[in-house]
């Protein structure tokens, strides 16, 4: 799911579903919505005007993550 959103940059539910279908991943609309809601709650993605995108990290947080990632 995150790979689809990362690849598409800004994506609607329909765009994500289409991308997943092309990649051979099968999800029902309910599964897609539940997963998107969970990612929103975890603050990993954001929603604006019915489009999803990856949540932007602040530059300092990103530098910290890059420095200490395993």
PDB file of N, CA and C in Angstrom:
ATOM      1  N   UNK A   1       0.822  -1.190   0.000  1.00  0.00           N
ATOM      2  CA  UNK A   1       0.000   0.000   0.000  1.00  0.00           C
ATOM      3  C   UNK A   1       0.869   1.257   0.000  1.00  0.00           C
ATOM      4  N   UNK A   2       1.851   1.306   0.903  1.00  0.00           N
ATOM      5  CA  UNK A   2       2.730   2.475   0.957  1.00  0.00           C
ATOM      6  C   UNK A   2       3.533   2.619  -0.331  1.00  0.00           C
ATOM      7  N   UNK A   3       3.927   1.494  -0.921  1.00  0.00           N
ATOM      8  CA  UNK A   3       4.669   1.527  -2.187  1.00  0.00           C
ATOM      9  C   UNK A   3       3.806   2.158  -3.285  1.00  0.00           C
ATOM     10  N   UNK A   4       2.524   1.824  -3.295  1.00  0.00           N
ATOM     11  CA  UNK A   4       1.612   2.400  -4.287  1.00  0.00           C
ATOM     12  C   UNK A   4       1.522   3.905  -4.105  1.00  0.00           C
ATOM     13  N   UNK A   5       1.351   4.348  -2.882  1.00  0.00           N
ATOM     14  CA  UNK A   5       1.222   5.780  -2.612  1.00  0.00           C
ATOM     15  C   UNK A   5       2.534   6.496  -2.915  1.00  0.00           C
ATOM     16  N   UNK A   6       3.651   5.860  -2.573  1.00  0.00           N
ATOM     17  CA  UNK A   6       4.957   6.462  -2.865  1.00  0.00           C
ATOM     18  C   UNK A   6       5.170   6.601  -4.376  1.00  0.00           C
ATOM     19  N   UNK A   7       4.826   5.568  -5.110  1.00  0.00           N
ATOM     20  CA  UNK A   7       5.005   5.581  -6.561  1.00  0.00           C
ATOM     21  C   UNK A   7       4.097   6.607  -7.238  1.00  0.00           C
ATOM     22  N   UNK A   8       2.847   6.669  -6.792  1.00  0.00           N
ATOM     23  CA  UNK A   8       1.877   7.565  -7.413  1.00  0.00           C
ATOM     24  C   UNK A   8       1.965   8.998  -6.910  1.00  0.00           C
ATOM     25  N   UNK A   9       2.628   9.209  -5.786  1.00  0.00           N
ATOM     26  CA  UNK A   9       2.778  10.503  -5.110  1.00  0.00           C
ATOM     27  C   UNK A   9       1.468  11.014  -4.521  1.00  0.00           C
ATOM     28  N   UNK A  10       0.504  11.367  -5.336  1.00  0.00           N
ATOM     29  CA  UNK A  10      -0.832  11.772  -4.897  1.00  0.00           C
ATOM     30  C   UNK A  10      -1.799  10.784  -5.526  1.00  0.00           C
ATOM     31  N   UNK A  11      -2.581  10.089  -4.699  1.00  0.00           N
ATOM     32  CA  UNK A  11      -3.410   9.025  -5.256  1.00  0.00           C
ATOM     33  C   UNK A  11      -4.770   8.960  -4.575  1.00  0.00           C
ATOM     34  N   UNK A  12      -5.776   8.744  -5.381  1.00  0.00           N
ATOM     35  CA  UNK A  12      -7.115   8.504  -4.849  1.00  0.00           C
ATOM     36  C   UNK A  12      -7.237   7.016  -4.525  1.00  0.00           C
ATOM     37  N   UNK A  13      -8.309   6.635  -3.854  1.00  0.00           N
ATOM     38  CA  UNK A  13      -8.547   5.213  -3.582  1.00  0.00           C
ATOM     39  C   UNK A  13      -8.571   4.421  -4.886  1.00  0.00           C
ATOM     40  N   UNK A  14      -9.213   4.987  -5.894  1.00  0.00           N
ATOM     41  CA  UNK A  14      -9.322   4.317  -7.194  1.00  0.00           C
ATOM     42  C   UNK A  14      -7.937   4.118  -7.823  1.00  0.00           C
ATOM     43  N   UNK A  15      -7.081   5.148  -7.747  1.00  0.00           N
ATOM     44  CA  UNK A  15      -5.725   5.046  -8.288  1.00  0.00           C
ATOM     45  C   UNK A  15      -4.927   3.960  -7.581  1.00  0.00           C
ATOM     46  N   UNK A  16      -5.050   3.921  -6.258  1.00  0.00           N
ATOM     47  CA  UNK A  16      -4.322   2.922  -5.477  1.00  0.00           C
ATOM     48  C   UNK A  16      -4.803   1.526  -5.831  1.00  0.00           C
ATOM     49  N   UNK A  17      -6.110   1.352  -5.916  1.00  0.00           N
ATOM     50  CA  UNK A  17      -6.678   0.051  -6.269  1.00  0.00           C
ATOM     51  C   UNK A  17      -6.200  -0.391  -7.647  1.00  0.00           C
ATOM     52  N   UNK A  18      -6.194   0.526  -8.593  1.00  0.00           N
ATOM     53  CA  UNK A  18      -5.737   0.211  -9.951  1.00  0.00           C
ATOM     54  C   UNK A  18      -4.264  -0.197  -9.938  1.00  0.00           C
ATOM     55  N   UNK A  19      -3.423   0.527  -9.225  1.00  0.00           N
ATOM     56  CA  UNK A  19      -1.996   0.217  -9.142  1.00  0.00           C
ATOM     57  C   UNK A  19      -1.788  -1.158  -8.514  1.00  0.00           C
ATOM     58  N   UNK A  20      -2.505  -1.437  -7.431  1.00  0.00           N
ATOM     59  CA  UNK A  20      -2.383  -2.739  -6.773  1.00  0.00           C
ATOM     60  C   UNK A  20      -2.811  -3.869  -7.702  1.00  0.00           C
ATOM     61  N   UNK A  21      -3.888  -3.662  -8.453  1.00  0.00           N
ATOM     62  CA  UNK A  21      -4.338  -4.668  -9.414  1.00  0.00           C
ATOM     63  C   UNK A  21      -3.263  -4.952 -10.450  1.00  0.00           C
ATOM     64  N   UNK A  22      -2.622  -3.905 -10.960  1.00  0.00           N
ATOM     65  CA  UNK A  22      -1.561  -4.073 -11.956  1.00  0.00           C
ATOM     66  C   UNK A  22      -0.356  -4.814 -11.384  1.00  0.00           C
ATOM     67  N   UNK A  23      -0.112  -4.653 -10.084  1.00  0.00           N
ATOM     68  CA  UNK A  23       1.006  -5.331  -9.426  1.00  0.00           C
ATOM     69  C   UNK A  23       0.650  -6.748  -8.979  1.00  0.00           C
ATOM     70  N   UNK A  24      -0.585  -7.158  -9.206  1.00  0.00           N
ATOM     71  CA  UNK A  24      -1.008  -8.496  -8.850  1.00  0.00           C
ATOM     72  C   UNK A  24      -1.477  -8.649  -7.417  1.00  0.00           C
ATOM     73  N   UNK A  25      -1.648  -7.551  -6.728  1.00  0.00           N
ATOM     74  CA  UNK A  25      -2.151  -7.565  -5.356  1.00  0.00           C
ATOM     75  C   UNK A  25      -3.672  -7.428  -5.388  1.00  0.00           C
ATOM     76  N   UNK A  26      -4.347  -8.284  -4.683  1.00  0.00           N
ATOM     77  CA  UNK A  26      -5.800  -8.194  -4.660  1.00  0.00           C
ATOM     78  C   UNK A  26      -6.281  -7.785  -3.272  1.00  0.00           C
ATOM     79  N   UNK A  27      -7.020  -6.711  -3.232  1.00  0.00           N
ATOM     80  CA  UNK A  27      -7.638  -6.213  -2.012  1.00  0.00           C
ATOM     81  C   UNK A  27      -9.073  -5.824  -2.322  1.00  0.00           C
ATOM     82  N   UNK A  28      -9.945  -6.068  -1.384  1.00  0.00           N
ATOM     83  CA  UNK A  28     -11.318  -5.588  -1.554  1.00  0.00           C
ATOM     84  C   UNK A  28     -11.339  -4.100  -1.211  1.00  0.00           C
ATOM     85  N   UNK A  29     -12.380  -3.426  -1.599  1.00  0.00           N
ATOM     86  CA  UNK A  29     -12.518  -1.999  -1.275  1.00  0.00           C
ATOM     87  C   UNK A  29     -12.521  -1.792   0.241  1.00  0.00           C
ATOM     88  N   UNK A  30     -13.179  -2.704   0.966  1.00  0.00           N
ATOM     89  CA  UNK A  30     -13.209  -2.591   2.431  1.00  0.00           C
ATOM     90  C   UNK A  30     -11.817  -2.736   3.029  1.00  0.00           C
ATOM     91  N   UNK A  31     -11.039  -3.702   2.528  1.00  0.00           N
ATOM     92  CA  UNK A  31      -9.664  -3.885   3.019  1.00  0.00           C
ATOM     93  C   UNK A  31      -8.823  -2.654   2.721  1.00  0.00           C
ATOM     94  N   UNK A  32      -8.999  -2.097   1.536  1.00  0.00           N
ATOM     95  CA  UNK A  32      -8.261  -0.900   1.153  1.00  0.00           C
ATOM     96  C   UNK A  32      -8.601   0.256   2.089  1.00  0.00           C
ATOM     97  N   UNK A  33      -9.866   0.480   2.322  1.00  0.00           N
ATOM     98  CA  UNK A  33     -10.294   1.580   3.200  1.00  0.00           C
ATOM     99  C   UNK A  33      -9.787   1.391   4.627  1.00  0.00           C
ATOM    100  N   UNK A  34      -9.876   0.162   5.144  1.00  0.00           N
ATOM    101  CA  UNK A  34      -9.383  -0.108   6.506  1.00  0.00           C
ATOM    102  C   UNK A  34      -7.880   0.151   6.606  1.00  0.00           C
ATOM    103  N   UNK A  35      -7.147  -0.278   5.595  1.00  0.00           N
ATOM    104  CA  UNK A  35      -5.694  -0.083   5.605  1.00  0.00           C
ATOM    105  C   UNK A  35      -5.355   1.398   5.514  1.00  0.00           C
ATOM    106  N   UNK A  36      -6.044   2.127   4.656  1.00  0.00           N
ATOM    107  CA  UNK A  36      -5.795   3.562   4.538  1.00  0.00           C
ATOM    108  C   UNK A  36      -6.122   4.277   5.846  1.00  0.00           C
ATOM    109  N   UNK A  37      -7.220   3.902   6.484  1.00  0.00           N
ATOM    110  CA  UNK A  37      -7.588   4.506   7.773  1.00  0.00           C
ATOM    111  C   UNK A  37      -6.523   4.223   8.830  1.00  0.00           C
ATOM    112  N   UNK A  38      -6.010   3.005   8.847  1.00  0.00           N
ATOM    113  CA  UNK A  38      -4.969   2.644   9.802  1.00  0.00           C
ATOM    114  C   UNK A  38      -3.701   3.462   9.552  1.00  0.00           C
ATOM    115  N   UNK A  39      -3.307   3.600   8.295  1.00  0.00           N
ATOM    116  CA  UNK A  39      -2.116   4.390   7.959  1.00  0.00           C
ATOM    117  C   UNK A  39      -2.310   5.863   8.316  1.00  0.00           C
ATOM    118  N   UNK A  40      -3.530   6.365   8.155  1.00  0.00           N
ATOM    119  CA  UNK A  40      -3.823   7.740   8.563  1.00  0.00           C
ATOM    120  C   UNK A  40      -3.707   7.889  10.075  1.00  0.00           C
ATOM    121  N   UNK A  41      -4.233   6.925  10.814  1.00  0.00           N
ATOM    122  CA  UNK A  41      -4.166   6.964  12.278  1.00  0.00           C
ATOM    123  C   UNK A  41      -2.731   6.872  12.771  1.00  0.00           C
ATOM    124  N   UNK A  42      -1.903   6.085  12.074  1.00  0.00           N
ATOM    125  CA  UNK A  42      -0.496   5.940  12.443  1.00  0.00           C
ATOM    126  C   UNK A  42       0.335   7.145  11.991  1.00  0.00           C
ATOM    127  N   UNK A  43      -0.302   8.077  11.294  1.00  0.00           N
ATOM    128  CA  UNK A  43       0.353   9.289  10.810  1.00  0.00           C
ATOM    129  C   UNK A  43       1.455   8.999   9.783  1.00  0.00           C
ATOM    130  N   UNK A  44       1.256   7.934   8.999  1.00  0.00           N
ATOM    131  CA  UNK A  44       2.230   7.576   7.968  1.00  0.00           C
ATOM    132  C   UNK A  44       1.853   8.165   6.610  1.00  0.00           C
ATOM    133  N   UNK A  45       0.555   8.452   6.436  1.00  0.00           N
ATOM    134  CA  UNK A  45       0.081   9.101   5.218  1.00  0.00           C
ATOM    135  C   UNK A  45      -0.828  10.250   5.618  1.00  0.00           C
ATOM    136  N   UNK A  46      -1.107  11.110   4.635  1.00  0.00           N
ATOM    137  CA  UNK A  46      -2.043  12.201   4.881  1.00  0.00           C
ATOM    138  C   UNK A  46      -3.050  12.246   3.754  1.00  0.00           C
ATOM    139  N   UNK A  47      -4.202  12.836   4.033  1.00  0.00           N
ATOM    140  CA  UNK A  47      -5.302  12.925   3.085  1.00  0.00           C
ATOM    141  C   UNK A  47      -5.685  14.377   2.901  1.00  0.00           C
ATOM    142  N   UNK A  48      -5.756  14.789   1.635  1.00  0.00           N
ATOM    143  CA  UNK A  48      -6.181  16.146   1.320  1.00  0.00           C
ATOM    144  C   UNK A  48      -6.922  16.110  -0.004  1.00  0.00           C
ATOM    145  N   UNK A  49      -8.132  16.657  -0.007  1.00  0.00           N
ATOM    146  CA  UNK A  49      -8.962  16.705  -1.215  1.00  0.00           C
ATOM    147  C   UNK A  49      -9.125  15.322  -1.854  1.00  0.00           C
ATOM    148  N   UNK A  50      -9.390  14.310  -1.031  1.00  0.00           N
ATOM    149  CA  UNK A  50      -9.598  12.929  -1.481  1.00  0.00           C
ATOM    150  C   UNK A  50      -8.363  12.290  -2.106  1.00  0.00           C
ATOM    151  N   UNK A  51      -7.192  12.863  -1.880  1.00  0.00           N
ATOM    152  CA  UNK A  51      -5.941  12.285  -2.377  1.00  0.00           C
ATOM    153  C   UNK A  51      -5.044  11.934  -1.194  1.00  0.00           C
ATOM    154  N   UNK A  52      -4.429  10.777  -1.281  1.00  0.00           N
ATOM    155  CA  UNK A  52      -3.512  10.323  -0.249  1.00  0.00           C
ATOM    156  C   UNK A  52      -2.087  10.564  -0.705  1.00  0.00           C
ATOM    157  N   UNK A  53      -1.203  10.836   0.248  1.00  0.00           N
ATOM    158  CA  UNK A  53       0.218  10.930  -0.039  1.00  0.00           C
ATOM    159  C   UNK A  53       0.970  10.556   1.230  1.00  0.00           C
ATOM    160  N   UNK A  54       2.249  10.219   1.050  1.00  0.00           N
ATOM    161  CA  UNK A  54       3.062   9.901   2.206  1.00  0.00           C
ATOM    162  C   UNK A  54       3.207  11.129   3.077  1.00  0.00           C
ATOM    163  N   UNK A  55       3.228  10.919   4.360  1.00  0.00           N
ATOM    164  CA  UNK A  55       3.402  12.022   5.309  1.00  0.00           C
ATOM    165  C   UNK A  55       4.831  12.528   5.182  1.00  0.00           C
ATOM    166  N   UNK A  56       4.980  13.814   5.068  1.00  0.00           N
ATOM    167  CA  UNK A  56       6.309  14.410   4.967  1.00  0.00           C
ATOM    168  C   UNK A  56       6.956  14.458   6.336  1.00  0.00           C
ATOM    169  N   UNK A  57       8.218  14.104   6.364  1.00  0.00           N
ATOM    170  CA  UNK A  57       8.978  14.201   7.602  1.00  0.00           C
ATOM    171  C   UNK A  57       9.664  15.551   7.624  1.00  0.00           C
ATOM    172  N   UNK A  58       9.854  16.056   8.810  1.00  0.00           N
ATOM    173  CA  UNK A  58      10.636  17.284   8.910  1.00  0.00           C
ATOM    174  C   UNK A  58      12.077  16.943   8.551  1.00  0.00           C
ATOM    175  N   UNK A  59      12.827  17.896   8.091  1.00  0.00           N
ATOM    176  CA  UNK A  59      14.197  17.629   7.650  1.00  0.00           C
ATOM    177  C   UNK A  59      15.064  17.133   8.800  1.00  0.00           C
ATOM    178  N   UNK A  60      14.861  17.658   9.999  1.00  0.00           N
ATOM    179  CA  UNK A  60      15.668  17.203  11.120  1.00  0.00           C
ATOM    180  C   UNK A  60      15.309  15.767  11.495  1.00  0.00           C
ATOM    181  N   UNK A  61      14.030  15.429  11.443  1.00  0.00           N
ATOM    182  CA  UNK A  61      13.625  14.051  11.741  1.00  0.00           C
ATOM    183  C   UNK A  61      14.157  13.110  10.675  1.00  0.00           C
ATOM    184  N   UNK A  62      14.107  13.525   9.437  1.00  0.00           N
ATOM    185  CA  UNK A  62      14.604  12.709   8.347  1.00  0.00           C
ATOM    186  C   UNK A  62      16.114  12.470   8.483  1.00  0.00           C
ATOM    187  N   UNK A  63      16.863  13.512   8.833  1.00  0.00           N
ATOM    188  CA  UNK A  63      18.315  13.374   9.024  1.00  0.00           C
ATOM    189  C   UNK A  63      18.610  12.417  10.184  1.00  0.00           C
ATOM    190  N   UNK A  64      17.874  12.531  11.263  1.00  0.00           N
ATOM    191  CA  UNK A  64      18.037  11.654  12.411  1.00  0.00           C
ATOM    192  C   UNK A  64      17.759  10.207  12.011  1.00  0.00           C
ATOM    193  N   UNK A  65      16.652   9.989  11.297  1.00  0.00           N
ATOM    194  CA  UNK A  65      16.300   8.641  10.864  1.00  0.00           C
ATOM    195  C   UNK A  65      17.373   8.049   9.961  1.00  0.00           C
ATOM    196  N   UNK A  66      17.904   8.844   9.038  1.00  0.00           N
ATOM    197  CA  UNK A  66      18.942   8.373   8.132  1.00  0.00           C
ATOM    198  C   UNK A  66      20.229   8.042   8.881  1.00  0.00           C
ATOM    199  N   UNK A  67      20.542   8.806   9.887  1.00  0.00           N
ATOM    200  CA  UNK A  67      21.755   8.593  10.652  1.00  0.00           C
ATOM    201  C   UNK A  67      21.707   7.306  11.470  1.00  0.00           C
ATOM    202  N   UNK A  68      20.545   7.003  12.019  1.00  0.00           N
ATOM    203  CA  UNK A  68      20.442   5.872  12.933  1.00  0.00           C
ATOM    204  C   UNK A  68      19.625   4.700  12.414  1.00  0.00           C
ATOM    205  N   UNK A  69      19.331   4.682  11.125  1.00  0.00           N
ATOM    206  CA  UNK A  69      18.529   3.560  10.628  1.00  0.00           C
ATOM    207  C   UNK A  69      19.360   2.289  10.594  1.00  0.00           C
ATOM    208  N   UNK A  70      18.686   1.170  10.844  1.00  0.00           N
ATOM    209  CA  UNK A  70      19.361  -0.140  10.892  1.00  0.00           C
ATOM    210  C   UNK A  70      19.393  -0.769   9.535  1.00  0.00           C
TER     211      UNK A  70
END
